[in-house]
N, C-alpha and C. Protein backbone atom coordinates (compact mmCIF):
# COMPACT_ATOMS: atom_id res chain seq x y z
N MET A 1 -39.01 -29.57 -7.43
CA MET A 1 -37.81 -30.26 -6.97
C MET A 1 -36.58 -29.73 -7.71
N LYS A 2 -36.75 -29.44 -9.02
CA LYS A 2 -35.63 -28.90 -9.79
C LYS A 2 -35.19 -27.55 -9.23
N GLN A 3 -36.17 -26.75 -8.84
CA GLN A 3 -35.86 -25.43 -8.30
C GLN A 3 -35.06 -25.55 -6.99
N PHE A 4 -35.40 -26.55 -6.18
CA PHE A 4 -34.70 -26.78 -4.93
C PHE A 4 -33.22 -27.06 -5.18
N PHE A 5 -32.94 -27.97 -6.12
CA PHE A 5 -31.55 -28.30 -6.43
C PHE A 5 -30.81 -27.14 -7.10
N LYS A 6 -31.54 -26.36 -7.88
CA LYS A 6 -30.94 -25.18 -8.50
C LYS A 6 -30.55 -24.17 -7.42
N ASP A 7 -31.45 -23.95 -6.45
CA ASP A 7 -31.14 -23.04 -5.35
C ASP A 7 -29.98 -23.57 -4.51
N PHE A 8 -29.95 -24.88 -4.29
CA PHE A 8 -28.87 -25.49 -3.52
C PHE A 8 -27.54 -25.32 -4.25
N LYS A 9 -27.54 -25.51 -5.56
CA LYS A 9 -26.32 -25.34 -6.35
C LYS A 9 -25.84 -23.89 -6.29
N THR A 10 -26.77 -22.94 -6.39
CA THR A 10 -26.42 -21.52 -6.28
C THR A 10 -25.83 -21.22 -4.91
N PHE A 11 -26.43 -21.80 -3.88
CA PHE A 11 -25.93 -21.61 -2.52
C PHE A 11 -24.50 -22.12 -2.37
N LEU A 12 -24.22 -23.29 -2.91
CA LEU A 12 -22.89 -23.88 -2.81
C LEU A 12 -21.85 -23.10 -3.61
N GLN A 13 -22.28 -22.45 -4.66
CA GLN A 13 -21.33 -21.73 -5.51
C GLN A 13 -21.01 -20.34 -5.00
N ARG A 14 -21.69 -19.90 -3.98
CA ARG A 14 -21.37 -18.60 -3.40
C ARG A 14 -19.97 -18.66 -2.80
N GLY A 15 -19.28 -17.55 -2.89
CA GLY A 15 -17.91 -17.50 -2.40
C GLY A 15 -17.78 -17.73 -0.91
N ASN A 16 -18.72 -17.19 -0.12
CA ASN A 16 -18.57 -17.32 1.32
C ASN A 16 -18.75 -18.75 1.81
N VAL A 17 -19.56 -19.57 1.13
CA VAL A 17 -19.72 -20.97 1.53
C VAL A 17 -18.44 -21.74 1.24
N ILE A 18 -17.85 -21.50 0.09
CA ILE A 18 -16.60 -22.17 -0.26
C ILE A 18 -15.48 -21.71 0.67
N ASP A 19 -15.43 -20.42 0.95
CA ASP A 19 -14.43 -19.90 1.89
C ASP A 19 -14.58 -20.53 3.26
N LEU A 20 -15.82 -20.67 3.71
CA LEU A 20 -16.07 -21.29 5.00
C LEU A 20 -15.62 -22.75 5.02
N ALA A 21 -15.88 -23.48 3.94
CA ALA A 21 -15.47 -24.88 3.86
C ALA A 21 -13.94 -25.00 3.89
N VAL A 22 -13.27 -24.15 3.14
CA VAL A 22 -11.80 -24.16 3.13
C VAL A 22 -11.27 -23.81 4.52
N ALA A 23 -11.86 -22.80 5.14
CA ALA A 23 -11.42 -22.39 6.48
C ALA A 23 -11.62 -23.53 7.49
N PHE A 24 -12.71 -24.26 7.35
CA PHE A 24 -12.96 -25.38 8.25
C PHE A 24 -11.90 -26.47 8.11
N VAL A 25 -11.56 -26.80 6.87
CA VAL A 25 -10.55 -27.84 6.63
C VAL A 25 -9.19 -27.39 7.14
N VAL A 26 -8.81 -26.15 6.83
CA VAL A 26 -7.52 -25.63 7.29
C VAL A 26 -7.51 -25.54 8.82
N GLY A 27 -8.63 -25.11 9.40
CA GLY A 27 -8.72 -25.03 10.86
C GLY A 27 -8.59 -26.39 11.52
N SER A 28 -9.19 -27.40 10.93
CA SER A 28 -9.07 -28.76 11.47
C SER A 28 -7.62 -29.25 11.42
N ALA A 29 -6.96 -29.00 10.30
CA ALA A 29 -5.56 -29.39 10.18
C ALA A 29 -4.70 -28.62 11.18
N PHE A 30 -4.97 -27.33 11.32
CA PHE A 30 -4.21 -26.51 12.27
C PHE A 30 -4.44 -26.99 13.70
N SER A 31 -5.67 -27.36 14.01
CA SER A 31 -5.99 -27.88 15.34
C SER A 31 -5.21 -29.16 15.63
N ALA A 32 -5.09 -30.02 14.63
CA ALA A 32 -4.32 -31.26 14.82
C ALA A 32 -2.85 -30.95 15.06
N ILE A 33 -2.33 -29.97 14.35
CA ILE A 33 -0.92 -29.58 14.55
C ILE A 33 -0.71 -29.03 15.95
N VAL A 34 -1.63 -28.16 16.39
CA VAL A 34 -1.48 -27.56 17.72
C VAL A 34 -1.65 -28.62 18.80
N THR A 35 -2.57 -29.55 18.62
CA THR A 35 -2.74 -30.63 19.59
C THR A 35 -1.46 -31.45 19.70
N SER A 36 -0.86 -31.76 18.57
CA SER A 36 0.41 -32.49 18.58
C SER A 36 1.51 -31.66 19.24
N LEU A 37 1.54 -30.37 18.94
CA LEU A 37 2.53 -29.47 19.56
C LEU A 37 2.40 -29.49 21.08
N VAL A 38 1.18 -29.37 21.57
CA VAL A 38 0.96 -29.35 23.01
C VAL A 38 1.31 -30.70 23.63
N LYS A 39 0.83 -31.78 23.02
CA LYS A 39 1.04 -33.11 23.58
C LYS A 39 2.51 -33.54 23.54
N ASN A 40 3.19 -33.25 22.44
CA ASN A 40 4.53 -33.80 22.24
C ASN A 40 5.68 -32.83 22.51
N ILE A 41 5.42 -31.53 22.47
CA ILE A 41 6.50 -30.55 22.62
C ILE A 41 6.35 -29.72 23.90
N VAL A 42 5.14 -29.18 24.15
CA VAL A 42 4.95 -28.25 25.27
C VAL A 42 4.81 -28.98 26.60
N MET A 43 3.96 -30.00 26.66
CA MET A 43 3.66 -30.64 27.94
C MET A 43 4.81 -31.46 28.54
N PRO A 44 5.63 -32.16 27.76
CA PRO A 44 6.72 -32.91 28.40
C PRO A 44 7.67 -32.03 29.23
N PRO A 45 8.13 -30.86 28.74
CA PRO A 45 8.98 -30.04 29.62
C PRO A 45 8.24 -29.51 30.84
N ILE A 46 6.96 -29.16 30.66
CA ILE A 46 6.19 -28.68 31.82
C ILE A 46 6.05 -29.80 32.84
N GLY A 47 5.76 -31.01 32.36
CA GLY A 47 5.66 -32.15 33.27
C GLY A 47 6.98 -32.45 33.95
N LEU A 48 8.08 -32.29 33.24
CA LEU A 48 9.41 -32.52 33.81
C LEU A 48 9.71 -31.51 34.91
N VAL A 49 9.37 -30.25 34.67
CA VAL A 49 9.58 -29.19 35.66
C VAL A 49 8.72 -29.44 36.90
N LEU A 50 7.53 -29.96 36.70
CA LEU A 50 6.61 -30.21 37.81
C LEU A 50 6.85 -31.55 38.50
N GLY A 51 7.94 -32.19 38.22
CA GLY A 51 8.27 -33.44 38.90
C GLY A 51 7.92 -34.67 38.12
N LYS A 52 8.24 -34.67 36.84
CA LYS A 52 8.01 -35.83 35.95
C LYS A 52 6.54 -36.23 35.91
N VAL A 53 5.67 -35.25 35.74
CA VAL A 53 4.24 -35.49 35.65
C VAL A 53 3.87 -35.72 34.19
N ASP A 54 3.13 -36.81 33.92
CA ASP A 54 2.61 -37.08 32.59
C ASP A 54 1.15 -36.65 32.59
N PHE A 55 0.86 -35.50 31.96
CA PHE A 55 -0.48 -34.94 32.00
C PHE A 55 -1.52 -35.86 31.36
N SER A 56 -1.11 -36.66 30.39
CA SER A 56 -2.08 -37.54 29.75
C SER A 56 -2.53 -38.67 30.68
N ASN A 57 -1.83 -38.88 31.77
CA ASN A 57 -2.20 -39.92 32.74
C ASN A 57 -2.63 -39.34 34.08
N LEU A 58 -3.04 -38.08 34.10
CA LEU A 58 -3.61 -37.51 35.32
C LEU A 58 -5.12 -37.75 35.28
N PHE A 59 -5.59 -38.58 36.17
CA PHE A 59 -7.02 -38.90 36.19
C PHE A 59 -7.42 -39.28 37.60
N LEU A 60 -8.70 -39.25 37.82
CA LEU A 60 -9.29 -39.63 39.10
C LEU A 60 -10.32 -40.70 38.81
N VAL A 61 -10.25 -41.79 39.53
CA VAL A 61 -11.19 -42.90 39.32
C VAL A 61 -12.48 -42.58 40.06
N LEU A 62 -13.57 -42.48 39.29
CA LEU A 62 -14.88 -42.22 39.89
C LEU A 62 -15.59 -43.52 40.26
N HIS A 63 -15.37 -44.55 39.43
CA HIS A 63 -15.96 -45.86 39.70
C HIS A 63 -15.04 -46.91 39.11
N GLU A 64 -14.67 -47.89 39.94
CA GLU A 64 -13.74 -48.92 39.46
C GLU A 64 -14.40 -49.81 38.42
N GLY A 65 -13.54 -50.39 37.58
CA GLY A 65 -14.02 -51.27 36.52
C GLY A 65 -14.13 -52.71 36.97
N LYS A 66 -14.08 -53.62 35.99
CA LYS A 66 -14.22 -55.06 36.27
C LYS A 66 -13.11 -55.53 37.19
N THR A 67 -11.88 -55.09 36.91
CA THR A 67 -10.78 -55.43 37.80
C THR A 67 -10.51 -54.23 38.69
N PRO A 68 -10.33 -54.46 39.99
CA PRO A 68 -10.13 -53.33 40.90
C PRO A 68 -8.77 -52.66 40.69
N GLY A 69 -8.73 -51.38 41.06
CA GLY A 69 -7.51 -50.58 40.90
C GLY A 69 -6.52 -50.90 42.00
N PRO A 70 -5.47 -50.19 42.14
CA PRO A 70 -5.18 -48.92 41.48
C PRO A 70 -4.71 -49.12 40.03
N TYR A 71 -5.04 -48.15 39.20
CA TYR A 71 -4.66 -48.16 37.80
C TYR A 71 -3.49 -47.21 37.61
N LEU A 72 -2.41 -47.70 37.01
CA LEU A 72 -1.22 -46.87 36.84
C LEU A 72 -1.32 -45.90 35.67
N THR A 73 -2.11 -46.27 34.67
CA THR A 73 -2.26 -45.39 33.51
C THR A 73 -3.74 -45.25 33.17
N LEU A 74 -4.04 -44.24 32.39
CA LEU A 74 -5.40 -44.03 31.93
C LEU A 74 -5.83 -45.17 31.02
N ALA A 75 -4.92 -45.65 30.20
CA ALA A 75 -5.23 -46.76 29.31
C ALA A 75 -5.60 -48.02 30.11
N ALA A 76 -4.91 -48.26 31.21
CA ALA A 76 -5.23 -49.42 32.05
C ALA A 76 -6.60 -49.27 32.70
N ALA A 77 -6.93 -48.05 33.13
CA ALA A 77 -8.24 -47.81 33.73
C ALA A 77 -9.35 -47.97 32.69
N GLU A 78 -9.12 -47.48 31.48
CA GLU A 78 -10.13 -47.63 30.43
C GLU A 78 -10.28 -49.09 30.03
N LYS A 79 -9.18 -49.83 30.00
CA LYS A 79 -9.23 -51.26 29.65
C LYS A 79 -10.04 -52.04 30.69
N ALA A 80 -9.93 -51.64 31.95
CA ALA A 80 -10.66 -52.31 33.02
C ALA A 80 -12.12 -51.87 33.07
N GLY A 81 -12.47 -50.84 32.31
CA GLY A 81 -13.85 -50.35 32.29
C GLY A 81 -14.15 -49.38 33.41
N ALA A 82 -13.13 -48.78 33.98
CA ALA A 82 -13.33 -47.82 35.07
C ALA A 82 -13.85 -46.50 34.51
N VAL A 83 -14.66 -45.84 35.32
CA VAL A 83 -15.14 -44.50 34.98
C VAL A 83 -14.14 -43.51 35.58
N THR A 84 -13.55 -42.68 34.70
CA THR A 84 -12.49 -41.78 35.17
C THR A 84 -12.82 -40.34 34.85
N TRP A 85 -12.22 -39.46 35.61
CA TRP A 85 -12.29 -38.02 35.40
C TRP A 85 -10.90 -37.63 34.92
N ASN A 86 -10.75 -37.30 33.64
CA ASN A 86 -9.45 -37.11 33.01
C ASN A 86 -9.04 -35.64 33.02
N TYR A 87 -8.65 -35.14 34.17
CA TYR A 87 -8.32 -33.72 34.29
C TYR A 87 -7.00 -33.37 33.61
N GLY A 88 -6.10 -34.32 33.43
CA GLY A 88 -4.84 -34.04 32.73
C GLY A 88 -5.08 -33.77 31.25
N LEU A 89 -5.96 -34.55 30.63
CA LEU A 89 -6.31 -34.30 29.23
C LEU A 89 -7.04 -32.98 29.08
N PHE A 90 -7.84 -32.63 30.09
CA PHE A 90 -8.55 -31.34 30.07
C PHE A 90 -7.56 -30.18 30.13
N ILE A 91 -6.53 -30.30 30.96
CA ILE A 91 -5.50 -29.26 31.06
C ILE A 91 -4.80 -29.12 29.71
N MET A 92 -4.51 -30.24 29.07
CA MET A 92 -3.86 -30.18 27.75
C MET A 92 -4.78 -29.52 26.72
N SER A 93 -6.08 -29.77 26.80
CA SER A 93 -7.03 -29.14 25.88
C SER A 93 -7.10 -27.63 26.11
N ILE A 94 -7.04 -27.21 27.36
CA ILE A 94 -7.04 -25.78 27.66
C ILE A 94 -5.80 -25.11 27.08
N ILE A 95 -4.66 -25.75 27.23
CA ILE A 95 -3.42 -25.18 26.69
C ILE A 95 -3.49 -25.14 25.16
N SER A 96 -4.04 -26.16 24.53
CA SER A 96 -4.22 -26.15 23.07
C SER A 96 -5.12 -25.00 22.66
N PHE A 97 -6.22 -24.81 23.38
CA PHE A 97 -7.14 -23.72 23.07
C PHE A 97 -6.44 -22.37 23.18
N LEU A 98 -5.66 -22.18 24.24
CA LEU A 98 -4.97 -20.90 24.42
C LEU A 98 -3.96 -20.64 23.30
N ILE A 99 -3.27 -21.67 22.87
CA ILE A 99 -2.32 -21.50 21.76
C ILE A 99 -3.06 -21.15 20.47
N ILE A 100 -4.15 -21.86 20.18
CA ILE A 100 -4.93 -21.57 18.98
C ILE A 100 -5.50 -20.16 19.05
N ALA A 101 -6.05 -19.78 20.19
CA ALA A 101 -6.61 -18.44 20.34
C ALA A 101 -5.54 -17.37 20.15
N PHE A 102 -4.34 -17.61 20.67
CA PHE A 102 -3.25 -16.64 20.52
C PHE A 102 -2.83 -16.52 19.06
N VAL A 103 -2.72 -17.64 18.36
CA VAL A 103 -2.34 -17.60 16.94
C VAL A 103 -3.41 -16.89 16.12
N ILE A 104 -4.67 -17.15 16.40
CA ILE A 104 -5.75 -16.46 15.68
C ILE A 104 -5.72 -14.98 15.98
N PHE A 105 -5.46 -14.61 17.24
CA PHE A 105 -5.33 -13.19 17.59
C PHE A 105 -4.21 -12.55 16.78
N LEU A 106 -3.06 -13.20 16.72
CA LEU A 106 -1.94 -12.64 15.95
C LEU A 106 -2.30 -12.51 14.47
N LEU A 107 -3.00 -13.50 13.93
CA LEU A 107 -3.40 -13.46 12.53
C LEU A 107 -4.37 -12.31 12.26
N VAL A 108 -5.40 -12.19 13.08
CA VAL A 108 -6.39 -11.12 12.89
C VAL A 108 -5.74 -9.76 13.12
N HIS A 109 -4.89 -9.67 14.12
CA HIS A 109 -4.19 -8.41 14.40
C HIS A 109 -3.32 -7.99 13.22
N SER A 110 -2.62 -8.95 12.63
CA SER A 110 -1.77 -8.66 11.47
C SER A 110 -2.60 -8.24 10.26
N ILE A 111 -3.70 -8.92 10.03
CA ILE A 111 -4.56 -8.58 8.89
C ILE A 111 -5.17 -7.19 9.09
N ASN A 112 -5.60 -6.88 10.31
CA ASN A 112 -6.18 -5.57 10.57
C ASN A 112 -5.18 -4.44 10.35
N ARG A 113 -3.92 -4.69 10.56
CA ARG A 113 -2.90 -3.67 10.34
C ARG A 113 -2.70 -3.38 8.86
N LEU A 114 -3.08 -4.32 7.98
CA LEU A 114 -2.94 -4.12 6.55
C LEU A 114 -3.97 -3.13 6.00
N TYR A 115 -5.14 -3.08 6.63
CA TYR A 115 -6.19 -2.19 6.15
C TYR A 115 -5.98 -0.79 6.72
N PRO A 116 -6.24 0.25 5.90
CA PRO A 116 -6.10 1.61 6.42
C PRO A 116 -7.19 1.91 7.44
N LYS A 117 -6.84 2.70 8.43
CA LYS A 117 -7.82 3.08 9.43
C LYS A 117 -8.80 4.07 8.80
N PRO A 118 -10.08 3.96 9.10
CA PRO A 118 -11.04 4.89 8.52
C PRO A 118 -10.80 6.31 9.03
N ALA A 119 -10.98 7.25 8.13
CA ALA A 119 -10.78 8.65 8.50
C ALA A 119 -11.89 9.09 9.44
N VAL A 120 -11.51 9.75 10.49
CA VAL A 120 -12.47 10.25 11.46
C VAL A 120 -12.96 11.61 10.96
N PRO A 121 -14.26 11.77 10.78
CA PRO A 121 -14.75 13.05 10.30
C PRO A 121 -14.50 14.15 11.34
N VAL A 122 -14.04 15.27 10.85
CA VAL A 122 -13.74 16.40 11.74
C VAL A 122 -15.03 17.16 11.97
N SER A 123 -15.40 17.32 13.22
CA SER A 123 -16.64 18.03 13.54
C SER A 123 -16.39 19.28 14.38
N SER A 124 -15.13 19.51 14.73
CA SER A 124 -14.83 20.69 15.53
C SER A 124 -13.48 21.27 15.14
N LYS A 125 -13.24 22.48 15.60
CA LYS A 125 -11.97 23.16 15.37
C LYS A 125 -11.59 23.87 16.65
N ASP A 126 -10.36 24.30 16.75
CA ASP A 126 -9.91 25.04 17.92
C ASP A 126 -10.04 26.53 17.68
N CYS A 127 -10.48 27.23 18.70
CA CYS A 127 -10.56 28.69 18.63
C CYS A 127 -9.13 29.22 18.58
N PRO A 128 -8.79 30.11 17.61
CA PRO A 128 -7.43 30.63 17.53
C PRO A 128 -7.07 31.58 18.68
N PHE A 129 -8.07 32.03 19.43
CA PHE A 129 -7.81 32.97 20.52
C PHE A 129 -7.69 32.30 21.89
N CYS A 130 -8.60 31.36 22.18
CA CYS A 130 -8.54 30.73 23.51
C CYS A 130 -8.22 29.24 23.46
N ALA A 131 -8.09 28.66 22.27
CA ALA A 131 -7.69 27.27 22.04
C ALA A 131 -8.68 26.23 22.57
N THR A 132 -9.95 26.61 22.74
CA THR A 132 -10.95 25.62 23.13
C THR A 132 -11.59 25.04 21.88
N SER A 133 -12.16 23.86 22.01
CA SER A 133 -12.79 23.19 20.88
C SER A 133 -14.19 23.77 20.67
N ILE A 134 -14.47 24.10 19.40
CA ILE A 134 -15.77 24.68 19.03
C ILE A 134 -16.27 24.01 17.76
N PRO A 135 -17.58 24.03 17.49
CA PRO A 135 -18.10 23.42 16.25
C PRO A 135 -17.54 24.11 15.02
N LEU A 136 -17.45 23.34 13.93
CA LEU A 136 -16.93 23.87 12.68
C LEU A 136 -17.75 25.05 12.16
N SER A 137 -19.04 25.01 12.35
CA SER A 137 -19.92 26.05 11.80
C SER A 137 -20.00 27.30 12.67
N ALA A 138 -19.31 27.32 13.81
CA ALA A 138 -19.37 28.48 14.70
C ALA A 138 -18.73 29.70 14.06
N THR A 139 -19.36 30.87 14.23
CA THR A 139 -18.80 32.14 13.75
C THR A 139 -18.29 32.98 14.90
N ARG A 140 -18.65 32.59 16.13
CA ARG A 140 -18.18 33.28 17.33
C ARG A 140 -17.88 32.22 18.38
N CYS A 141 -16.79 32.37 19.08
CA CYS A 141 -16.40 31.42 20.13
C CYS A 141 -17.32 31.58 21.32
N PRO A 142 -17.96 30.49 21.79
CA PRO A 142 -18.85 30.60 22.95
C PRO A 142 -18.09 30.80 24.26
N ASN A 143 -16.79 30.55 24.27
CA ASN A 143 -16.02 30.68 25.50
C ASN A 143 -15.43 32.08 25.67
N CYS A 144 -14.76 32.60 24.62
CA CYS A 144 -14.12 33.91 24.73
C CYS A 144 -14.85 35.00 23.93
N THR A 145 -15.89 34.62 23.22
CA THR A 145 -16.74 35.50 22.41
C THR A 145 -16.00 36.20 21.29
N SER A 146 -14.88 35.67 20.88
CA SER A 146 -14.14 36.27 19.77
C SER A 146 -14.85 35.99 18.46
N GLN A 147 -14.78 36.95 17.57
CA GLN A 147 -15.34 36.79 16.21
C GLN A 147 -14.38 35.89 15.42
N LEU A 148 -14.94 34.86 14.79
CA LEU A 148 -14.11 33.90 14.05
C LEU A 148 -14.26 34.17 12.55
N THR A 149 -13.18 34.00 11.83
CA THR A 149 -13.23 34.11 10.39
C THR A 149 -13.35 32.72 9.78
N SER A 150 -13.98 32.60 8.67
CA SER A 150 -14.20 31.30 8.04
C SER A 150 -12.96 30.67 7.59
């Protein structure tokens, strides 16, 4: 049993586990910020342009609740116990996902630009007589049959 806890402690002290935990916490906080951005900043102007549509209240009643509809808001439908299909919230989630994916793309793209590109090994050279590509170890060009110097 002692060995189990010792192995568990070693596992927790590895850098990648701690990095993963920190990334998870930061990602959760970032997700909350993006959700708020979409709900409070992005969607109201889009809803206004589309004719004063409130995406958080776009739903379809699949089964009425204790009190019959129509329900003016999603909260009223949920209070009545109606089964709803909340496609407006789904649209907001898709927009949140796209924003998060775009920010992660920009972050990864920026980080990748910091690292030097790996050198591509040279495996061929150009023939000085006919300008075709030939192997580095060639002593005669296979295209023009010219003798090559090292």
